[in-house]
Amino acid sequence: MKKLNVLSAAFLLGMFSTVGFAASTQIESNNIIVVEQEVSKTTVEVTDLPEAVTEAIQTKLNQGWEINEAALIADKEKTLYIIKLSKEDETSTLKITPEGEIQ
């Protein structure tokens, strides 16, 4: 019985110390900053794609993939060409910089 009392006392002491710690914890407020950027999307004809972009996807085209859609996405920080490809039942989307780097 004495062991049960000691164990109960230790448990209660542990519980109160946890509650006391939680009560003294301070939560700092988080500031949320919303930055709006102007993003433009322009549809691009396949014949109007830069040479570096067509060279970057040439391997895919040689494997039987076809371009379904091409678009230019631009904001203040970067510009990317989004190329949507298809091959039979498969689809793929590539993001390519104007310099021909696949992202």
Protein backbone atom coordinates (compact mmCIF):
# COMPACT_ATOMS: atom_id res chain seq x y z
CA MET A 1 0.00 0.00 0.00
CA LYS A 2 2.88 2.33 0.81
CA LYS A 3 4.33 1.80 -2.70
CA LEU A 4 0.98 2.71 -4.23
CA ASN A 5 0.85 5.99 -2.27
CA VAL A 6 4.41 6.90 -3.29
CA LEU A 7 3.67 6.05 -6.94
CA SER A 8 0.44 8.10 -6.88
CA ALA A 9 2.25 11.05 -5.32
CA ALA A 10 5.00 10.89 -7.95
CA PHE A 11 2.41 10.73 -10.73
CA LEU A 12 0.47 13.72 -9.38
CA LEU A 13 3.66 15.72 -8.90
CA GLY A 14 4.65 14.96 -12.50
CA MET A 15 1.24 16.01 -13.76
CA PHE A 16 1.29 19.33 -11.92
CA SER A 17 4.80 20.16 -13.07
CA THR A 18 3.77 19.51 -16.70
CA VAL A 19 0.72 21.73 -16.35
CA GLY A 20 2.84 24.44 -14.70
CA PHE A 21 5.34 24.30 -17.55
CA ALA A 22 2.60 24.53 -20.15
CA ALA A 23 1.06 27.50 -18.40
CA SER A 24 4.34 29.43 -18.38
CA THR A 25 5.07 28.87 -22.07
CA GLN A 26 4.78 32.01 -24.15
CA ILE A 27 3.63 31.90 -27.72
CA GLU A 28 5.03 34.51 -30.04
CA SER A 29 2.66 35.95 -32.57
CA ASN A 30 3.37 35.07 -36.19
CA ASN A 31 3.06 37.75 -38.79
CA ILE A 32 1.85 36.60 -42.17
CA ILE A 33 3.05 38.63 -45.09
CA VAL A 34 1.18 38.25 -48.33
CA VAL A 35 3.04 39.34 -51.42
CA GLU A 36 1.13 39.56 -54.62
CA GLN A 37 3.06 39.04 -57.80
CA GLU A 38 1.85 39.60 -61.27
CA VAL A 39 2.13 36.35 -63.21
CA SER A 40 1.41 36.23 -66.89
CA LYS A 41 0.61 33.18 -68.99
CA THR A 42 0.84 33.38 -72.75
CA THR A 43 0.06 30.56 -75.15
CA VAL A 44 2.96 29.96 -77.52
CA GLU A 45 2.86 28.25 -80.91
CA VAL A 46 5.29 25.35 -81.23
CA THR A 47 6.97 27.07 -84.18
CA ASP A 48 7.59 30.13 -81.99
CA LEU A 49 9.46 28.28 -79.23
CA PRO A 50 13.08 29.38 -78.78
CA GLU A 51 15.70 27.09 -80.29
CA ALA A 52 17.14 26.24 -76.84
CA VAL A 53 13.70 25.04 -75.66
CA THR A 54 13.10 22.85 -78.73
CA GLU A 55 16.60 21.38 -78.37
CA ALA A 56 15.86 20.57 -74.71
CA ILE A 57 12.75 18.55 -75.62
CA GLN A 58 14.17 17.01 -78.80
CA THR A 59 14.98 13.73 -77.00
CA LYS A 60 11.34 13.38 -75.93
CA LEU A 61 10.12 14.17 -79.44
CA ASN A 62 12.46 11.51 -80.86
CA GLN A 63 10.90 8.99 -78.46
CA GLY A 64 7.44 9.52 -79.95
CA TRP A 65 6.13 12.27 -77.69
CA GLU A 66 4.06 15.07 -79.22
CA ILE A 67 3.59 18.62 -78.02
CA ASN A 68 -0.03 19.29 -77.06
CA GLU A 69 0.37 22.76 -75.62
CA ALA A 70 3.09 25.29 -74.97
CA ALA A 71 2.87 28.36 -72.77
CA LEU A 72 5.16 31.04 -71.41
CA ILE A 73 4.80 31.76 -67.68
CA ALA A 74 6.54 34.89 -66.41
CA ASP A 75 6.75 36.80 -63.15
CA LYS A 76 9.27 39.23 -61.67
CA GLU A 77 11.69 36.47 -60.65
CA LYS A 78 11.73 33.99 -63.52
CA THR A 79 10.39 32.96 -66.89
CA LEU A 80 9.52 29.36 -67.81
CA TYR A 81 8.08 27.59 -70.80
CA ILE A 82 5.51 24.97 -69.82
CA ILE A 83 5.37 22.22 -72.41
CA LYS A 84 2.60 19.61 -72.23
CA LEU A 85 3.44 16.39 -74.07
CA SER A 86 1.51 13.21 -74.82
CA LYS A 87 2.37 9.74 -76.06
CA GLU A 88 -0.51 7.28 -76.47
CA ASP A 89 -2.21 7.25 -73.01
CA GLU A 90 0.65 9.00 -71.20
CA THR A 91 1.04 12.71 -70.53
CA SER A 92 4.01 14.70 -69.32
CA THR A 93 4.65 18.33 -68.44
CA LEU A 94 8.07 19.93 -68.74
CA LYS A 95 9.18 23.25 -67.28
CA ILE A 96 12.02 24.73 -69.29
CA THR A 97 13.91 28.00 -68.94
CA PRO A 98 14.42 30.16 -72.04
CA GLU A 99 18.05 28.98 -71.96
CA GLY A 100 16.91 25.34 -72.37
CA GLU A 101 17.38 24.11 -68.80
CA ILE A 102 14.73 21.59 -67.73
CA GLN A 103 13.43 22.41 -64.24
